[in-house]
């Protein structure tokens, strides 16, 4: 499904998931949606680790 939002963000589907769980964020991104990690309670080091893990598990998707 192509919409202005999917074009803008480079995603396949206009599905958004906001989660504190990196597995959910990665799964939604791999499926063509937009996974967003809630990270307000992470330290800088924890956030870097979580983002690195997500990058390694989204198969190159945004």
PDB file of N, CA and C in Angstrom:
ATOM      1  N   UNK A   1       0.840  -1.161   0.000  1.00  0.00           N
ATOM      2  CA  UNK A   1       0.000   0.000   0.000  1.00  0.00           C
ATOM      3  C   UNK A   1       0.896   1.237   0.000  1.00  0.00           C
ATOM      4  N   UNK A   2       0.752   2.075  -0.999  1.00  0.00           N
ATOM      5  CA  UNK A   2       1.573   3.278  -1.102  1.00  0.00           C
ATOM      6  C   UNK A   2       0.756   4.490  -0.674  1.00  0.00           C
ATOM      7  N   UNK A   3       1.293   5.235   0.254  1.00  0.00           N
ATOM      8  CA  UNK A   3       0.693   6.485   0.707  1.00  0.00           C
ATOM      9  C   UNK A   3       1.799   7.516   0.817  1.00  0.00           C
ATOM     10  N   UNK A   4       1.429   8.747   1.099  1.00  0.00           N
ATOM     11  CA  UNK A   4       2.437   9.788   1.282  1.00  0.00           C
ATOM     12  C   UNK A   4       3.368   9.438   2.448  1.00  0.00           C
ATOM     13  N   UNK A   5       2.816   8.845   3.489  1.00  0.00           N
ATOM     14  CA  UNK A   5       3.629   8.475   4.659  1.00  0.00           C
ATOM     15  C   UNK A   5       4.598   7.342   4.321  1.00  0.00           C
ATOM     16  N   UNK A   6       4.138   6.335   3.599  1.00  0.00           N
ATOM     17  CA  UNK A   6       5.044   5.242   3.246  1.00  0.00           C
ATOM     18  C   UNK A   6       6.156   5.733   2.335  1.00  0.00           C
ATOM     19  N   UNK A   7       5.822   6.613   1.422  1.00  0.00           N
ATOM     20  CA  UNK A   7       6.844   7.182   0.534  1.00  0.00           C
ATOM     21  C   UNK A   7       7.855   8.000   1.327  1.00  0.00           C
ATOM     22  N   UNK A   8       7.366   8.823   2.242  1.00  0.00           N
ATOM     23  CA  UNK A   8       8.231   9.688   3.036  1.00  0.00           C
ATOM     24  C   UNK A   8       9.200   8.893   3.904  1.00  0.00           C
ATOM     25  N   UNK A   9       8.709   7.822   4.519  1.00  0.00           N
ATOM     26  CA  UNK A   9       9.525   7.052   5.456  1.00  0.00           C
ATOM     27  C   UNK A   9      10.240   5.856   4.821  1.00  0.00           C
ATOM     28  N   UNK A  10       9.907   5.537   3.584  1.00  0.00           N
ATOM     29  CA  UNK A  10      10.547   4.411   2.908  1.00  0.00           C
ATOM     30  C   UNK A  10      10.100   3.068   3.439  1.00  0.00           C
ATOM     31  N   UNK A  11       8.827   2.983   3.863  1.00  0.00           N
ATOM     32  CA  UNK A  11       8.283   1.731   4.377  1.00  0.00           C
ATOM     33  C   UNK A  11       7.243   1.197   3.396  1.00  0.00           C
ATOM     34  N   UNK A  12       6.858  -0.057   3.568  1.00  0.00           N
ATOM     35  CA  UNK A  12       5.906  -0.691   2.659  1.00  0.00           C
ATOM     36  C   UNK A  12       4.458  -0.517   3.088  1.00  0.00           C
ATOM     37  N   UNK A  13       4.234  -0.481   4.388  1.00  0.00           N
ATOM     38  CA  UNK A  13       2.873  -0.433   4.929  1.00  0.00           C
ATOM     39  C   UNK A  13       2.741   0.689   5.952  1.00  0.00           C
ATOM     40  N   UNK A  14       1.598   1.366   5.997  1.00  0.00           N
ATOM     41  CA  UNK A  14       1.417   2.434   6.983  1.00  0.00           C
ATOM     42  C   UNK A  14       1.027   1.877   8.351  1.00  0.00           C
ATOM     43  N   UNK A  15       1.890   1.030   8.880  1.00  0.00           N
ATOM     44  CA  UNK A  15       1.674   0.410  10.195  1.00  0.00           C
ATOM     45  C   UNK A  15       2.802   0.880  11.113  1.00  0.00           C
ATOM     46  N   UNK A  16       2.428   1.397  12.276  1.00  0.00           N
ATOM     47  CA  UNK A  16       3.395   1.916  13.228  1.00  0.00           C
ATOM     48  C   UNK A  16       3.279   1.151  14.535  1.00  0.00           C
ATOM     49  N   UNK A  17       4.414   0.811  15.113  1.00  0.00           N
ATOM     50  CA  UNK A  17       4.426   0.117  16.398  1.00  0.00           C
ATOM     51  C   UNK A  17       5.412   0.828  17.316  1.00  0.00           C
ATOM     52  N   UNK A  18       4.895   1.324  18.417  1.00  0.00           N
ATOM     53  CA  UNK A  18       5.721   1.970  19.423  1.00  0.00           C
ATOM     54  C   UNK A  18       5.851   0.995  20.583  1.00  0.00           C
ATOM     55  N   UNK A  19       7.079   0.575  20.872  1.00  0.00           N
ATOM     56  CA  UNK A  19       7.285  -0.458  21.878  1.00  0.00           C
ATOM     57  C   UNK A  19       8.615  -0.254  22.592  1.00  0.00           C
ATOM     58  N   UNK A  20       8.686  -0.742  23.816  1.00  0.00           N
ATOM     59  CA  UNK A  20       9.951  -0.742  24.542  1.00  0.00           C
ATOM     60  C   UNK A  20      10.712  -2.047  24.295  1.00  0.00           C
ATOM     61  N   UNK A  21      10.116  -2.930  23.512  1.00  0.00           N
ATOM     62  CA  UNK A  21      10.705  -4.241  23.245  1.00  0.00           C
ATOM     63  C   UNK A  21      11.370  -4.252  21.862  1.00  0.00           C
ATOM     64  N   UNK A  22      12.665  -4.446  21.850  1.00  0.00           N
ATOM     65  CA  UNK A  22      13.402  -4.416  20.580  1.00  0.00           C
ATOM     66  C   UNK A  22      12.926  -5.492  19.610  1.00  0.00           C
ATOM     67  N   UNK A  23      12.465  -6.639  20.131  1.00  0.00           N
ATOM     68  CA  UNK A  23      11.990  -7.709  19.252  1.00  0.00           C
ATOM     69  C   UNK A  23      10.759  -7.272  18.462  1.00  0.00           C
ATOM     70  N   UNK A  24       9.863  -6.557  19.116  1.00  0.00           N
ATOM     71  CA  UNK A  24       8.648  -6.063  18.451  1.00  0.00           C
ATOM     72  C   UNK A  24       9.018  -5.025  17.403  1.00  0.00           C
ATOM     73  N   UNK A  25       9.889  -4.106  17.761  1.00  0.00           N
ATOM     74  CA  UNK A  25      10.320  -3.058  16.833  1.00  0.00           C
ATOM     75  C   UNK A  25      10.944  -3.682  15.581  1.00  0.00           C
ATOM     76  N   UNK A  26      11.817  -4.646  15.765  1.00  0.00           N
ATOM     77  CA  UNK A  26      12.474  -5.294  14.626  1.00  0.00           C
ATOM     78  C   UNK A  26      11.479  -6.086  13.786  1.00  0.00           C
ATOM     79  N   UNK A  27      10.558  -6.790  14.420  1.00  0.00           N
ATOM     80  CA  UNK A  27       9.579  -7.596  13.683  1.00  0.00           C
ATOM     81  C   UNK A  27       8.675  -6.716  12.824  1.00  0.00           C
ATOM     82  N   UNK A  28       8.215  -5.617  13.364  1.00  0.00           N
ATOM     83  CA  UNK A  28       7.356  -4.709  12.597  1.00  0.00           C
ATOM     84  C   UNK A  28       8.132  -4.109  11.432  1.00  0.00           C
ATOM     85  N   UNK A  29       9.350  -3.724  11.673  1.00  0.00           N
ATOM     86  CA  UNK A  29      10.173  -3.156  10.598  1.00  0.00           C
ATOM     87  C   UNK A  29      10.435  -4.185   9.498  1.00  0.00           C
ATOM     88  N   UNK A  30      10.768  -5.411   9.885  1.00  0.00           N
ATOM     89  CA  UNK A  30      10.980  -6.477   8.886  1.00  0.00           C
ATOM     90  C   UNK A  30       9.724  -6.741   8.074  1.00  0.00           C
ATOM     91  N   UNK A  31       8.560  -6.583   8.688  1.00  0.00           N
ATOM     92  CA  UNK A  31       7.287  -6.841   8.007  1.00  0.00           C
ATOM     93  C   UNK A  31       6.881  -5.701   7.080  1.00  0.00           C
ATOM     94  N   UNK A  32       7.617  -4.595   7.096  1.00  0.00           N
ATOM     95  CA  UNK A  32       7.320  -3.497   6.185  1.00  0.00           C
ATOM     96  C   UNK A  32       6.704  -2.285   6.849  1.00  0.00           C
ATOM     97  N   UNK A  33       6.526  -2.338   8.163  1.00  0.00           N
ATOM     98  CA  UNK A  33       5.985  -1.199   8.893  1.00  0.00           C
ATOM     99  C   UNK A  33       7.090  -0.343   9.488  1.00  0.00           C
ATOM    100  N   UNK A  34       6.713   0.476  10.463  1.00  0.00           N
ATOM    101  CA  UNK A  34       7.646   1.386  11.110  1.00  0.00           C
ATOM    102  C   UNK A  34       7.683   1.079  12.590  1.00  0.00           C
ATOM    103  N   UNK A  35       8.768   0.449  13.034  1.00  0.00           N
ATOM    104  CA  UNK A  35       8.937   0.143  14.447  1.00  0.00           C
ATOM    105  C   UNK A  35       9.673   1.284  15.135  1.00  0.00           C
ATOM    106  N   UNK A  36       9.155   1.705  16.273  1.00  0.00           N
ATOM    107  CA  UNK A  36       9.747   2.815  17.015  1.00  0.00           C
ATOM    108  C   UNK A  36      10.029   2.369  18.447  1.00  0.00           C
ATOM    109  N   UNK A  37      11.277   2.462  18.857  1.00  0.00           N
ATOM    110  CA  UNK A  37      11.693   2.008  20.176  1.00  0.00           C
ATOM    111  C   UNK A  37      11.490   3.105  21.214  1.00  0.00           C
ATOM    112  N   UNK A  38      10.731   2.784  22.244  1.00  0.00           N
ATOM    113  CA  UNK A  38      10.595   3.684  23.385  1.00  0.00           C
ATOM    114  C   UNK A  38      11.830   3.541  24.257  1.00  0.00           C
ATOM    115  N   UNK A  39      12.563   4.618  24.446  1.00  0.00           N
ATOM    116  CA  UNK A  39      13.876   4.477  25.079  1.00  0.00           C
ATOM    117  C   UNK A  39      14.124   5.474  26.206  1.00  0.00           C
ATOM    118  N   UNK A  40      13.086   6.004  26.791  1.00  0.00           N
ATOM    119  CA  UNK A  40      13.251   7.026  27.807  1.00  0.00           C
ATOM    120  C   UNK A  40      14.013   6.580  29.039  1.00  0.00           C
ATOM    121  N   UNK A  41      14.020   5.314  29.344  1.00  0.00           N
ATOM    122  CA  UNK A  41      14.677   4.835  30.552  1.00  0.00           C
ATOM    123  C   UNK A  41      16.030   4.181  30.305  1.00  0.00           C
ATOM    124  N   UNK A  42      16.496   4.137  29.057  1.00  0.00           N
ATOM    125  CA  UNK A  42      17.789   3.537  28.752  1.00  0.00           C
ATOM    126  C   UNK A  42      18.920   4.518  29.062  1.00  0.00           C
ATOM    127  N   UNK A  43      20.045   3.977  29.488  1.00  0.00           N
ATOM    128  CA  UNK A  43      21.260   4.780  29.548  1.00  0.00           C
ATOM    129  C   UNK A  43      21.782   4.921  28.115  1.00  0.00           C
ATOM    130  N   UNK A  44      22.741   5.800  27.927  1.00  0.00           N
ATOM    131  CA  UNK A  44      23.320   5.969  26.593  1.00  0.00           C
ATOM    132  C   UNK A  44      23.888   4.650  26.080  1.00  0.00           C
ATOM    133  N   UNK A  45      24.568   3.925  26.932  1.00  0.00           N
ATOM    134  CA  UNK A  45      25.172   2.654  26.536  1.00  0.00           C
ATOM    135  C   UNK A  45      24.106   1.618  26.186  1.00  0.00           C
ATOM    136  N   UNK A  46      23.052   1.552  26.989  1.00  0.00           N
ATOM    137  CA  UNK A  46      21.965   0.603  26.714  1.00  0.00           C
ATOM    138  C   UNK A  46      21.281   0.938  25.390  1.00  0.00           C
ATOM    139  N   UNK A  47      21.049   2.229  25.148  1.00  0.00           N
ATOM    140  CA  UNK A  47      20.394   2.643  23.905  1.00  0.00           C
ATOM    141  C   UNK A  47      21.253   2.266  22.704  1.00  0.00           C
ATOM    142  N   UNK A  48      22.541   2.510  22.786  1.00  0.00           N
ATOM    143  CA  UNK A  48      23.431   2.131  21.686  1.00  0.00           C
ATOM    144  C   UNK A  48      23.369   0.634  21.425  1.00  0.00           C
ATOM    145  N   UNK A  49      23.351  -0.161  22.487  1.00  0.00           N
ATOM    146  CA  UNK A  49      23.268  -1.616  22.343  1.00  0.00           C
ATOM    147  C   UNK A  49      21.939  -2.038  21.712  1.00  0.00           C
ATOM    148  N   UNK A  50      20.836  -1.464  22.172  1.00  0.00           N
ATOM    149  CA  UNK A  50      19.520  -1.811  21.630  1.00  0.00           C
ATOM    150  C   UNK A  50      19.419  -1.427  20.155  1.00  0.00           C
ATOM    151  N   UNK A  51      19.870  -0.236  19.812  1.00  0.00           N
ATOM    152  CA  UNK A  51      19.794   0.216  18.414  1.00  0.00           C
ATOM    153  C   UNK A  51      20.685  -0.625  17.508  1.00  0.00           C
ATOM    154  N   UNK A  52      21.832  -1.012  18.005  1.00  0.00           N
ATOM    155  CA  UNK A  52      22.725  -1.884  17.223  1.00  0.00           C
ATOM    156  C   UNK A  52      22.045  -3.237  16.978  1.00  0.00           C
ATOM    157  N   UNK A  53      21.404  -3.779  18.034  1.00  0.00           N
ATOM    158  CA  UNK A  53      20.702  -5.055  17.899  1.00  0.00           C
ATOM    159  C   UNK A  53      19.574  -4.931  16.873  1.00  0.00           C
ATOM    160  N   UNK A  54      18.814  -3.874  16.949  1.00  0.00           N
ATOM    161  CA  UNK A  54      17.713  -3.668  16.002  1.00  0.00           C
ATOM    162  C   UNK A  54      18.262  -3.589  14.579  1.00  0.00           C
ATOM    163  N   UNK A  55      19.310  -2.792  14.372  1.00  0.00           N
ATOM    164  CA  UNK A  55      19.913  -2.696  13.038  1.00  0.00           C
ATOM    165  C   UNK A  55      20.335  -4.054  12.505  1.00  0.00           C
ATOM    166  N   UNK A  56      20.832  -4.917  13.385  1.00  0.00           N
ATOM    167  CA  UNK A  56      21.279  -6.238  12.973  1.00  0.00           C
ATOM    168  C   UNK A  56      20.116  -7.202  12.681  1.00  0.00           C
ATOM    169  N   UNK A  57      18.883  -6.846  13.059  1.00  0.00           N
ATOM    170  CA  UNK A  57      17.760  -7.756  12.932  1.00  0.00           C
ATOM    171  C   UNK A  57      16.608  -7.236  12.083  1.00  0.00           C
ATOM    172  N   UNK A  58      16.823  -6.184  11.300  1.00  0.00           N
ATOM    173  CA  UNK A  58      15.733  -5.667  10.461  1.00  0.00           C
ATOM    174  C   UNK A  58      15.946  -5.936   8.971  1.00  0.00           C
ATOM    175  N   UNK A  59      16.942  -6.724   8.655  1.00  0.00           N
ATOM    176  CA  UNK A  59      17.220  -7.097   7.255  1.00  0.00           C
ATOM    177  C   UNK A  59      17.342  -5.882   6.330  1.00  0.00           C
ATOM    178  N   UNK A  60      17.962  -4.810   6.832  1.00  0.00           N
ATOM    179  CA  UNK A  60      18.189  -3.629   6.007  1.00  0.00           C
ATOM    180  C   UNK A  60      17.001  -2.713   5.841  1.00  0.00           C
ATOM    181  N   UNK A  61      15.901  -3.019   6.504  1.00  0.00           N
ATOM    182  CA  UNK A  61      14.702  -2.172   6.391  1.00  0.00           C
ATOM    183  C   UNK A  61      14.861  -0.950   7.287  1.00  0.00           C
ATOM    184  N   UNK A  62      14.136   0.145   6.948  1.00  0.00           N
ATOM    185  CA  UNK A  62      14.222   1.348   7.805  1.00  0.00           C
ATOM    186  C   UNK A  62      13.522   1.151   9.135  1.00  0.00           C
TER     187      UNK A  62
END
